[in-house]
Every structure is written in structure tokens, then in C-alpha cells.
Amino acid sequence: MTRFLSAIAAICLVSLPAIAENASTGDVYACAEITGNDERLACYDAAVGRLKAAEDAGEVTTVTRAQVEQAKRETFGFSMPSLRSFGFKNDDGSQEKFDEVTLPVKSVSRDAAGKLRITLEGGQVWVQNDGMRIRPKNPSEARIYAAALGSYKMKIDGGMAFRVRREQ
């Protein structure tokens, strides 16, 4: 549960500075429309000064696509409808979808009811929640993907798919 709360906090901290950054970078972009060289330079100097002050105060931060993808991987499987998308677009201009992840398996165990409990290298813990009898032998990777009605399915090493829910 602690990892879940830290993941939520990390996503919130990453998304809030991105909101502040949009307002600050707008000032810099507005300077490009000024035609006079001296006025444009003065505008850039002032805008960059405000942006630097906001960055020093912790109100603005830069987030790379790799950091966003890592955050999405770490929180994949948790339902967080209140968090907005990070807004990265694909090359064709469409919104980026993230509905599948493949990660290395750290360990597999069974609970008292015989359901699988899969721990992945990133610390994610997924629990089987259907009646399938799955017998993974020396599992190396798990592919988790979105299924119907907000549920998830997992395939271990390309085997049979079974329903899972993220526990941690």
C-alpha cells in the first residue's frame, strides 16, 4: 500500500509542475511574436528570468517522455481517473495510448486458494482473480494488457491469458 501511495504522490508531483510550466512557457513563446530586436530580447530576458525563478522555487520542472513512460509503467493497473494525461502525442498527432506493458518476472507464488501471485522486477504485485489453472515453469516475463470493463489480463512467457488485478 505504501508503494501505491508513493506512486500516486509521484504522479501528482510530476503533473502539477507540468501545469505551471504551460503558463510560464507561454510567456517565452509570446516573445517570438515581437518584431523589434531590442523589445524581443528584453521580453525573452524577462520571461526566462520568471521561468528560472519558478524553476528555482520548485513550481516548474521539465519532464521527459522517458520519465512519463516510466511513471505510466509503474502505475499501470491502478485506477486513477482524476489524473489528466501527460499530453504527449504520437507522430500522427493522435493521443498516446498506454494499455499494455511487458516486464520481467521476479517471483511467482500461490496463495491458499491456489491463485497466482506474481511479483515483477519493478515491485508491482499482481494477483490472479479467475479460475484458470496456470502452471508457469521458470517464468521470465509477463505481458499485462487491458481487457474488457477496466479489467486486466496477463500472459506469462506467451502462455495462456488469465485475469489479474494489481495489488501493489
N, C-alpha and C. Protein backbone atom coordinates (compact mmCIF):
# COMPACT_ATOMS: atom_id res chain seq x y z
N MET A 1 0.83 -1.19 0.00
CA MET A 1 0.00 0.00 0.00
C MET A 1 0.87 1.26 0.00
N THR A 2 2.02 1.17 0.68
CA THR A 2 2.92 2.32 0.73
C THR A 2 3.45 2.65 -0.66
N ARG A 3 3.78 1.62 -1.46
CA ARG A 3 4.27 1.86 -2.82
C ARG A 3 3.19 2.50 -3.67
N PHE A 4 1.94 2.07 -3.46
CA PHE A 4 0.82 2.64 -4.21
C PHE A 4 0.70 4.13 -3.91
N LEU A 5 0.74 4.49 -2.63
CA LEU A 5 0.61 5.90 -2.26
C LEU A 5 1.80 6.71 -2.76
N SER A 6 3.03 6.11 -2.72
CA SER A 6 4.17 6.85 -3.25
C SER A 6 4.07 7.03 -4.75
N ALA A 7 3.53 6.04 -5.46
CA ALA A 7 3.35 6.18 -6.91
C ALA A 7 2.35 7.28 -7.23
N ILE A 8 1.24 7.32 -6.47
CA ILE A 8 0.23 8.37 -6.68
C ILE A 8 0.85 9.74 -6.40
N ALA A 9 1.59 9.85 -5.31
CA ALA A 9 2.21 11.13 -4.97
C ALA A 9 3.20 11.56 -6.04
N ALA A 10 3.98 10.62 -6.56
CA ALA A 10 4.96 10.96 -7.61
C ALA A 10 4.26 11.46 -8.86
N ILE A 11 3.18 10.80 -9.26
CA ILE A 11 2.45 11.23 -10.46
C ILE A 11 1.86 12.61 -10.24
N CYS A 12 1.29 12.85 -9.06
CA CYS A 12 0.71 14.17 -8.78
C CYS A 12 1.78 15.25 -8.81
N LEU A 13 2.94 14.95 -8.22
CA LEU A 13 4.02 15.94 -8.20
C LEU A 13 4.54 16.22 -9.60
N VAL A 14 4.55 15.20 -10.45
CA VAL A 14 5.02 15.39 -11.82
C VAL A 14 4.00 16.17 -12.63
N SER A 15 2.70 15.91 -12.41
CA SER A 15 1.68 16.57 -13.24
C SER A 15 1.44 18.02 -12.83
N LEU A 16 1.55 18.35 -11.55
CA LEU A 16 1.32 19.73 -11.13
C LEU A 16 2.35 20.70 -11.70
N PRO A 17 3.66 20.38 -11.66
CA PRO A 17 4.61 21.29 -12.29
C PRO A 17 4.37 21.43 -13.79
N ALA A 18 3.89 20.40 -14.43
CA ALA A 18 3.62 20.50 -15.87
C ALA A 18 2.54 21.54 -16.13
N ILE A 19 1.55 21.64 -15.24
CA ILE A 19 0.50 22.65 -15.39
C ILE A 19 1.12 24.04 -15.23
N ALA A 20 1.97 24.22 -14.22
CA ALA A 20 2.62 25.51 -14.01
C ALA A 20 3.54 25.85 -15.17
N GLU A 21 4.19 24.84 -15.74
CA GLU A 21 5.12 25.08 -16.83
C GLU A 21 4.41 25.62 -18.06
N ASN A 22 3.19 25.17 -18.34
CA ASN A 22 2.46 25.67 -19.50
C ASN A 22 2.28 27.18 -19.43
N ALA A 23 1.94 27.69 -18.25
CA ALA A 23 1.74 29.13 -18.10
C ALA A 23 3.05 29.88 -18.28
N SER A 24 4.15 29.37 -17.75
CA SER A 24 5.44 30.06 -17.83
C SER A 24 6.03 30.02 -19.23
N THR A 25 5.93 28.90 -19.92
CA THR A 25 6.49 28.82 -21.26
C THR A 25 5.68 29.65 -22.24
N GLY A 26 4.43 29.89 -21.94
CA GLY A 26 3.61 30.75 -22.81
C GLY A 26 4.19 32.14 -22.91
N ASP A 27 4.78 32.64 -21.82
CA ASP A 27 5.42 33.96 -21.84
C ASP A 27 6.61 33.97 -22.81
N VAL A 28 7.39 32.90 -22.79
CA VAL A 28 8.55 32.81 -23.68
C VAL A 28 8.09 32.75 -25.13
N TYR A 29 7.07 31.96 -25.41
CA TYR A 29 6.57 31.84 -26.78
C TYR A 29 5.98 33.16 -27.28
N ALA A 30 5.38 33.92 -26.40
CA ALA A 30 4.79 35.20 -26.80
C ALA A 30 5.88 36.17 -27.27
N CYS A 31 7.07 36.05 -26.72
CA CYS A 31 8.17 36.95 -27.11
C CYS A 31 8.55 36.77 -28.57
N ALA A 32 8.36 35.58 -29.12
CA ALA A 32 8.75 35.32 -30.50
C ALA A 32 7.95 36.17 -31.49
N GLU A 33 6.79 36.64 -31.09
CA GLU A 33 5.93 37.42 -31.99
C GLU A 33 6.31 38.91 -32.04
N ILE A 34 7.19 39.33 -31.17
CA ILE A 34 7.61 40.74 -31.14
C ILE A 34 8.60 40.96 -32.29
N THR A 35 8.36 42.01 -33.07
CA THR A 35 9.19 42.25 -34.27
C THR A 35 10.48 43.00 -33.98
N GLY A 36 10.47 43.93 -33.06
CA GLY A 36 11.68 44.71 -32.76
C GLY A 36 12.70 43.89 -32.00
N ASN A 37 13.96 43.92 -32.45
CA ASN A 37 15.00 43.10 -31.83
C ASN A 37 15.22 43.44 -30.36
N ASP A 38 15.32 44.71 -30.03
CA ASP A 38 15.57 45.11 -28.64
C ASP A 38 14.40 44.73 -27.74
N GLU A 39 13.16 44.96 -28.22
CA GLU A 39 11.98 44.61 -27.42
C GLU A 39 11.87 43.10 -27.24
N ARG A 40 12.16 42.34 -28.33
CA ARG A 40 12.08 40.88 -28.25
C ARG A 40 13.11 40.36 -27.26
N LEU A 41 14.33 40.88 -27.30
CA LEU A 41 15.38 40.45 -26.38
C LEU A 41 14.99 40.77 -24.94
N ALA A 42 14.45 41.96 -24.70
CA ALA A 42 14.02 42.34 -23.36
C ALA A 42 12.90 41.42 -22.88
N CYS A 43 11.98 41.09 -23.79
CA CYS A 43 10.88 40.18 -23.45
C CYS A 43 11.43 38.80 -23.08
N TYR A 44 12.36 38.27 -23.90
CA TYR A 44 12.97 36.97 -23.62
C TYR A 44 13.70 36.99 -22.28
N ASP A 45 14.47 38.03 -22.03
CA ASP A 45 15.20 38.13 -20.76
C ASP A 45 14.25 38.09 -19.57
N ALA A 46 13.15 38.85 -19.66
CA ALA A 46 12.18 38.88 -18.56
C ALA A 46 11.48 37.54 -18.41
N ALA A 47 11.07 36.92 -19.53
CA ALA A 47 10.36 35.64 -19.47
C ALA A 47 11.25 34.53 -18.94
N VAL A 48 12.50 34.50 -19.39
CA VAL A 48 13.43 33.49 -18.91
C VAL A 48 13.73 33.71 -17.43
N GLY A 49 13.82 34.95 -17.00
CA GLY A 49 14.03 35.25 -15.58
C GLY A 49 12.88 34.72 -14.73
N ARG A 50 11.64 34.93 -15.20
CA ARG A 50 10.47 34.40 -14.47
C ARG A 50 10.47 32.87 -14.47
N LEU A 51 10.83 32.28 -15.60
CA LEU A 51 10.87 30.82 -15.71
C LEU A 51 11.92 30.24 -14.78
N LYS A 52 13.09 30.86 -14.74
CA LYS A 52 14.18 30.40 -13.85
C LYS A 52 13.76 30.53 -12.39
N ALA A 53 13.10 31.64 -12.03
CA ALA A 53 12.63 31.82 -10.65
C ALA A 53 11.60 30.76 -10.29
N ALA A 54 10.70 30.44 -11.22
CA ALA A 54 9.69 29.41 -10.97
C ALA A 54 10.35 28.04 -10.82
N GLU A 55 11.38 27.77 -11.62
CA GLU A 55 12.10 26.51 -11.52
C GLU A 55 12.83 26.41 -10.18
N ASP A 56 13.50 27.49 -9.78
CA ASP A 56 14.21 27.51 -8.50
C ASP A 56 13.26 27.34 -7.32
N ALA A 57 12.03 27.85 -7.45
CA ALA A 57 11.04 27.73 -6.38
C ALA A 57 10.35 26.37 -6.39
N GLY A 58 10.64 25.55 -7.40
CA GLY A 58 10.02 24.23 -7.46
C GLY A 58 8.64 24.23 -8.09
N GLU A 59 8.23 25.35 -8.69
CA GLU A 59 6.92 25.42 -9.32
C GLU A 59 6.92 24.84 -10.72
N VAL A 60 8.08 24.79 -11.35
CA VAL A 60 8.20 24.32 -12.72
C VAL A 60 9.29 23.26 -12.78
N THR A 61 9.04 22.21 -13.53
CA THR A 61 10.05 21.19 -13.77
C THR A 61 9.87 20.65 -15.18
N THR A 62 10.93 20.13 -15.72
CA THR A 62 10.87 19.55 -17.04
C THR A 62 10.77 18.04 -16.90
N VAL A 63 9.84 17.45 -17.63
CA VAL A 63 9.63 16.01 -17.59
C VAL A 63 9.85 15.48 -19.00
N THR A 64 10.73 14.49 -19.12
CA THR A 64 11.00 13.91 -20.44
C THR A 64 9.98 12.83 -20.76
N ARG A 65 9.88 12.49 -22.03
CA ARG A 65 8.99 11.42 -22.45
C ARG A 65 9.36 10.11 -21.75
N ALA A 66 10.66 9.84 -21.57
CA ALA A 66 11.10 8.62 -20.90
C ALA A 66 10.61 8.58 -19.46
N GLN A 67 10.65 9.72 -18.77
CA GLN A 67 10.16 9.77 -17.38
C GLN A 67 8.66 9.53 -17.33
N VAL A 68 7.93 10.06 -18.29
CA VAL A 68 6.49 9.86 -18.34
C VAL A 68 6.17 8.39 -18.59
N GLU A 69 6.87 7.78 -19.54
CA GLU A 69 6.63 6.37 -19.83
C GLU A 69 6.97 5.50 -18.63
N GLN A 70 8.04 5.83 -17.90
CA GLN A 70 8.39 5.08 -16.69
C GLN A 70 7.30 5.23 -15.64
N ALA A 71 6.77 6.42 -15.45
CA ALA A 71 5.69 6.64 -14.49
C ALA A 71 4.44 5.87 -14.89
N LYS A 72 4.13 5.85 -16.18
CA LYS A 72 2.97 5.09 -16.65
C LYS A 72 3.16 3.60 -16.42
N ARG A 73 4.40 3.11 -16.66
CA ARG A 73 4.68 1.69 -16.43
C ARG A 73 4.50 1.34 -14.96
N GLU A 74 5.02 2.21 -14.09
CA GLU A 74 4.97 1.93 -12.65
C GLU A 74 3.55 1.98 -12.11
N THR A 75 2.69 2.79 -12.70
CA THR A 75 1.32 2.91 -12.19
C THR A 75 0.32 2.12 -13.02
N PHE A 76 0.78 1.39 -14.04
CA PHE A 76 -0.12 0.61 -14.89
C PHE A 76 -0.91 -0.37 -14.02
N GLY A 77 -2.20 -0.38 -14.20
CA GLY A 77 -3.06 -1.29 -13.45
C GLY A 77 -3.79 -0.64 -12.30
N PHE A 78 -3.38 0.55 -11.90
CA PHE A 78 -4.10 1.28 -10.87
C PHE A 78 -5.11 2.18 -11.53
N SER A 79 -6.28 2.29 -10.95
CA SER A 79 -7.32 3.14 -11.49
C SER A 79 -7.16 4.53 -10.91
N MET A 80 -6.80 5.50 -11.76
CA MET A 80 -6.59 6.88 -11.31
C MET A 80 -7.28 7.83 -12.28
N PRO A 81 -8.61 7.85 -12.31
CA PRO A 81 -9.31 8.66 -13.30
C PRO A 81 -9.14 10.16 -13.10
N SER A 82 -8.75 10.61 -11.93
CA SER A 82 -8.64 12.05 -11.70
C SER A 82 -7.36 12.65 -12.27
N LEU A 83 -6.39 11.82 -12.62
CA LEU A 83 -5.14 12.34 -13.17
C LEU A 83 -5.29 12.55 -14.66
N ARG A 84 -4.91 13.75 -15.11
CA ARG A 84 -5.00 14.03 -16.54
C ARG A 84 -3.85 13.38 -17.28
N SER A 85 -4.01 13.24 -18.56
CA SER A 85 -2.97 12.68 -19.41
C SER A 85 -1.79 13.64 -19.45
N PHE A 86 -0.61 13.12 -19.66
CA PHE A 86 0.56 13.98 -19.76
C PHE A 86 0.58 14.73 -21.08
N GLY A 87 -0.24 14.32 -22.02
CA GLY A 87 -0.42 15.09 -23.24
C GLY A 87 0.57 14.84 -24.35
N PHE A 88 1.41 13.82 -24.26
CA PHE A 88 2.30 13.53 -25.38
C PHE A 88 1.49 12.97 -26.54
N LYS A 89 1.86 13.36 -27.74
CA LYS A 89 1.16 12.92 -28.95
C LYS A 89 2.06 11.98 -29.75
N ASN A 90 1.42 11.08 -30.51
CA ASN A 90 2.14 10.22 -31.43
C ASN A 90 2.54 11.03 -32.67
N ASP A 91 3.35 10.44 -33.54
CA ASP A 91 3.80 11.13 -34.75
C ASP A 91 2.63 11.58 -35.63
N ASP A 92 1.53 10.81 -35.63
CA ASP A 92 0.39 11.17 -36.47
C ASP A 92 -0.54 12.17 -35.79
N GLY A 93 -0.19 12.65 -34.60
CA GLY A 93 -0.99 13.66 -33.91
C GLY A 93 -2.03 13.09 -32.97
N SER A 94 -2.21 11.77 -32.95
CA SER A 94 -3.21 11.16 -32.06
C SER A 94 -2.66 11.09 -30.63
N GLN A 95 -3.57 11.00 -29.67
CA GLN A 95 -3.16 10.92 -28.26
C GLN A 95 -2.55 9.55 -27.99
N GLU A 96 -1.51 9.54 -27.20
CA GLU A 96 -0.79 8.32 -26.89
C GLU A 96 -1.64 7.41 -26.00
N LYS A 97 -1.72 6.13 -26.34
CA LYS A 97 -2.46 5.14 -25.53
C LYS A 97 -1.43 4.25 -24.84
N PHE A 98 -1.74 3.88 -23.62
CA PHE A 98 -0.86 3.01 -22.86
C PHE A 98 -1.73 1.94 -22.25
N ASP A 99 -1.91 0.82 -22.96
CA ASP A 99 -2.83 -0.21 -22.48
C ASP A 99 -2.17 -1.58 -22.37
N GLU A 100 -0.84 -1.60 -22.37
CA GLU A 100 -0.13 -2.87 -22.28
C GLU A 100 1.28 -2.62 -21.77
N VAL A 101 1.80 -3.58 -21.00
CA VAL A 101 3.17 -3.47 -20.51
C VAL A 101 3.76 -4.88 -20.41
N THR A 102 5.03 -5.02 -20.74
CA THR A 102 5.75 -6.29 -20.60
C THR A 102 6.93 -6.04 -19.67
N LEU A 103 6.97 -6.80 -18.58
CA LEU A 103 8.01 -6.60 -17.57
C LEU A 103 8.60 -7.94 -17.14
N PRO A 104 9.85 -7.95 -16.66
CA PRO A 104 10.46 -9.18 -16.16
C PRO A 104 9.80 -9.64 -14.86
N VAL A 105 9.69 -10.96 -14.71
CA VAL A 105 9.09 -11.56 -13.52
C VAL A 105 10.18 -11.79 -12.48
N LYS A 106 9.91 -11.36 -11.25
CA LYS A 106 10.85 -11.57 -10.15
C LYS A 106 10.54 -12.89 -9.44
N SER A 107 9.24 -13.09 -9.13
CA SER A 107 8.86 -14.34 -8.46
C SER A 107 7.38 -14.64 -8.70
N VAL A 108 7.04 -15.92 -8.57
CA VAL A 108 5.65 -16.37 -8.68
C VAL A 108 5.38 -17.29 -7.51
N SER A 109 4.26 -17.05 -6.84
CA SER A 109 3.86 -17.92 -5.74
C SER A 109 2.35 -18.15 -5.83
N ARG A 110 1.83 -19.00 -4.97
CA ARG A 110 0.39 -19.26 -4.92
C ARG A 110 -0.13 -18.93 -3.53
N ASP A 111 -1.37 -18.42 -3.50
CA ASP A 111 -1.99 -18.17 -2.20
C ASP A 111 -2.71 -19.44 -1.74
N ALA A 112 -3.42 -19.37 -0.61
CA ALA A 112 -4.09 -20.53 -0.05
C ALA A 112 -5.16 -21.09 -0.98
N ALA A 113 -5.75 -20.25 -1.82
CA ALA A 113 -6.79 -20.69 -2.75
C ALA A 113 -6.20 -21.20 -4.06
N GLY A 114 -4.88 -21.21 -4.19
CA GLY A 114 -4.24 -21.69 -5.40
C GLY A 114 -4.09 -20.65 -6.50
N LYS A 115 -4.42 -19.41 -6.20
CA LYS A 115 -4.30 -18.33 -7.19
C LYS A 115 -2.85 -17.85 -7.25
N LEU A 116 -2.42 -17.47 -8.45
CA LEU A 116 -1.05 -16.99 -8.62
C LEU A 116 -0.88 -15.59 -8.04
N ARG A 117 0.29 -15.36 -7.51
CA ARG A 117 0.70 -14.03 -7.04
C ARG A 117 2.03 -13.76 -7.73
N ILE A 118 2.02 -12.82 -8.66
CA ILE A 118 3.18 -12.55 -9.50
C ILE A 118 3.82 -11.24 -9.07
N THR A 119 5.09 -11.30 -8.70
CA THR A 119 5.85 -10.10 -8.35
C THR A 119 6.79 -9.81 -9.52
N LEU A 120 6.72 -8.58 -10.01
CA LEU A 120 7.54 -8.18 -11.15
C LEU A 120 8.77 -7.41 -10.67
N GLU A 121 9.76 -7.29 -11.53
CA GLU A 121 11.02 -6.63 -11.18
C GLU A 121 10.84 -5.20 -10.67
N GLY A 122 9.87 -4.47 -11.18
CA GLY A 122 9.65 -3.09 -10.76
C GLY A 122 8.95 -2.98 -9.42
N GLY A 123 8.63 -4.10 -8.77
CA GLY A 123 7.95 -4.07 -7.48
C GLY A 123 6.45 -4.23 -7.57
N GLN A 124 5.90 -4.28 -8.78
CA GLN A 124 4.47 -4.48 -8.94
C GLN A 124 4.10 -5.89 -8.49
N VAL A 125 2.94 -6.01 -7.84
CA VAL A 125 2.42 -7.31 -7.45
C VAL A 125 1.03 -7.46 -8.05
N TRP A 126 0.85 -8.51 -8.83
CA TRP A 126 -0.41 -8.81 -9.49
C TRP A 126 -0.93 -10.14 -8.95
N VAL A 127 -2.25 -10.23 -8.76
CA VAL A 127 -2.87 -11.43 -8.21
C VAL A 127 -3.90 -11.94 -9.21
N GLN A 128 -3.86 -13.24 -9.46
CA GLN A 128 -4.83 -13.86 -10.36
C GLN A 128 -6.22 -13.78 -9.73
N ASN A 129 -7.22 -13.46 -10.54
CA ASN A 129 -8.58 -13.40 -9.98
C ASN A 129 -9.59 -14.13 -10.86
N ASP A 130 -9.14 -15.18 -11.53
CA ASP A 130 -10.08 -16.06 -12.23
C ASP A 130 -9.78 -17.50 -11.84
N GLY A 131 -10.48 -18.45 -12.40
CA GLY A 131 -10.33 -19.85 -12.00
C GLY A 131 -9.39 -20.66 -12.86
N MET A 132 -8.66 -20.03 -13.76
CA MET A 132 -7.74 -20.77 -14.65
C MET A 132 -6.63 -21.42 -13.83
N ARG A 133 -6.25 -22.64 -14.24
CA ARG A 133 -5.11 -23.31 -13.61
C ARG A 133 -3.89 -23.04 -14.46
N ILE A 134 -3.04 -22.15 -14.02
CA ILE A 134 -1.84 -21.77 -14.75
C ILE A 134 -0.64 -22.34 -14.01
N ARG A 135 0.26 -22.99 -14.75
CA ARG A 135 1.46 -23.57 -14.14
C ARG A 135 2.70 -23.04 -14.87
N PRO A 136 3.13 -21.84 -14.51
CA PRO A 136 4.32 -21.30 -15.19
C PRO A 136 5.59 -22.02 -14.75
N LYS A 137 6.43 -22.35 -15.71
CA LYS A 137 7.70 -23.01 -15.41
C LYS A 137 8.83 -22.03 -15.69
N ASN A 138 9.57 -21.67 -14.68
CA ASN A 138 10.68 -20.72 -14.81
C ASN A 138 10.26 -19.46 -15.57
N PRO A 139 9.30 -18.72 -15.04
CA PRO A 139 8.80 -17.54 -15.76
C PRO A 139 9.87 -16.46 -15.88
N SER A 140 9.93 -15.83 -17.06
CA SER A 140 10.91 -14.77 -17.25
C SER A 140 10.26 -13.41 -17.49
N GLU A 141 9.11 -13.38 -18.22
CA GLU A 141 8.46 -12.09 -18.44
C GLU A 141 6.95 -12.25 -18.45
N ALA A 142 6.29 -11.16 -18.06
CA ALA A 142 4.83 -11.13 -18.02
C ALA A 142 4.34 -9.99 -18.89
N ARG A 143 3.35 -10.28 -19.71
CA ARG A 143 2.70 -9.24 -20.53
C ARG A 143 1.33 -9.00 -19.93
N ILE A 144 1.09 -7.78 -19.48
CA ILE A 144 -0.19 -7.40 -18.88
C ILE A 144 -0.85 -6.42 -19.83
N TYR A 145 -2.12 -6.65 -20.11
CA TYR A 145 -2.82 -5.77 -21.04
C TYR A 145 -4.24 -5.52 -20.55
N ALA A 146 -4.79 -4.39 -20.98
CA ALA A 146 -6.14 -4.01 -20.60
C ALA A 146 -7.14 -4.93 -21.28
N ALA A 147 -8.14 -5.37 -20.53
CA ALA A 147 -9.21 -6.22 -21.06
C ALA A 147 -10.52 -5.45 -20.94
N ALA A 148 -11.63 -6.16 -21.03
CA ALA A 148 -12.94 -5.52 -21.02
C ALA A 148 -13.29 -4.96 -19.64
N LEU A 149 -14.05 -3.87 -19.65
CA LEU A 149 -14.63 -3.27 -18.45
C LEU A 149 -13.59 -2.92 -17.38
N GLY A 150 -12.44 -2.44 -17.79
CA GLY A 150 -11.44 -1.98 -16.84
C GLY A 150 -10.64 -3.08 -16.17
N SER A 151 -10.77 -4.30 -16.65
CA SER A 151 -10.01 -5.40 -16.06
C SER A 151 -8.69 -5.59 -16.82
N TYR A 152 -7.86 -6.48 -16.31
CA TYR A 152 -6.56 -6.74 -16.93
C TYR A 152 -6.35 -8.23 -17.09
N LYS A 153 -5.58 -8.58 -18.11
CA LYS A 153 -5.18 -9.97 -18.33
C LYS A 153 -3.66 -10.03 -18.39
N MET A 154 -3.14 -11.21 -18.06
CA MET A 154 -1.70 -11.42 -18.06
C MET A 154 -1.38 -12.69 -18.81
N LYS A 155 -0.26 -12.65 -19.54
CA LYS A 155 0.32 -13.84 -20.15
C LYS A 155 1.74 -13.94 -19.64
N ILE A 156 2.09 -15.10 -19.12
CA ILE A 156 3.45 -15.32 -18.65
C ILE A 156 4.18 -16.10 -19.73
N ASP A 157 5.26 -15.53 -20.24
CA ASP A 157 6.07 -16.14 -21.30
C ASP A 157 5.23 -16.58 -22.49
N GLY A 158 4.23 -15.79 -22.84
CA GLY A 158 3.40 -16.08 -24.02
C GLY A 158 2.41 -17.20 -23.83
N GLY A 159 2.20 -17.67 -22.61
CA GLY A 159 1.27 -18.76 -22.34
C GLY A 159 -0.18 -18.31 -22.37
N MET A 160 -1.03 -19.08 -21.71
CA MET A 160 -2.47 -18.77 -21.66
C MET A 160 -2.71 -17.47 -20.89
N ALA A 161 -3.67 -16.71 -21.37
CA ALA A 161 -4.03 -15.45 -20.69
C ALA A 161 -4.96 -15.76 -19.52
N PHE A 162 -4.77 -15.03 -18.43
CA PHE A 162 -5.65 -15.16 -17.27
C PHE A 162 -5.87 -13.78 -16.68
N ARG A 163 -7.00 -13.61 -15.99
CA ARG A 163 -7.37 -12.31 -15.42
C ARG A 163 -6.55 -12.06 -14.15
N VAL A 164 -6.15 -10.79 -14.00
CA VAL A 164 -5.38 -10.38 -12.82
C VAL A 164 -5.86 -9.01 -12.34
N ARG A 165 -5.50 -8.70 -11.12
CA ARG A 165 -5.70 -7.35 -10.59
C ARG A 165 -4.40 -6.95 -9.90
N ARG A 166 -4.13 -5.67 -9.94
CA ARG A 166 -2.90 -5.19 -9.32
C ARG A 166 -3.14 -4.99 -7.84
N GLU A 167 -2.28 -5.57 -7.04
CA GLU A 167 -2.40 -5.46 -5.58
C GLU A 167 -1.44 -4.41 -5.03
N GLN A 168 -0.29 -4.28 -5.61
CA GLN A 168 0.72 -3.35 -5.09
C GLN A 168 1.53 -2.78 -6.23
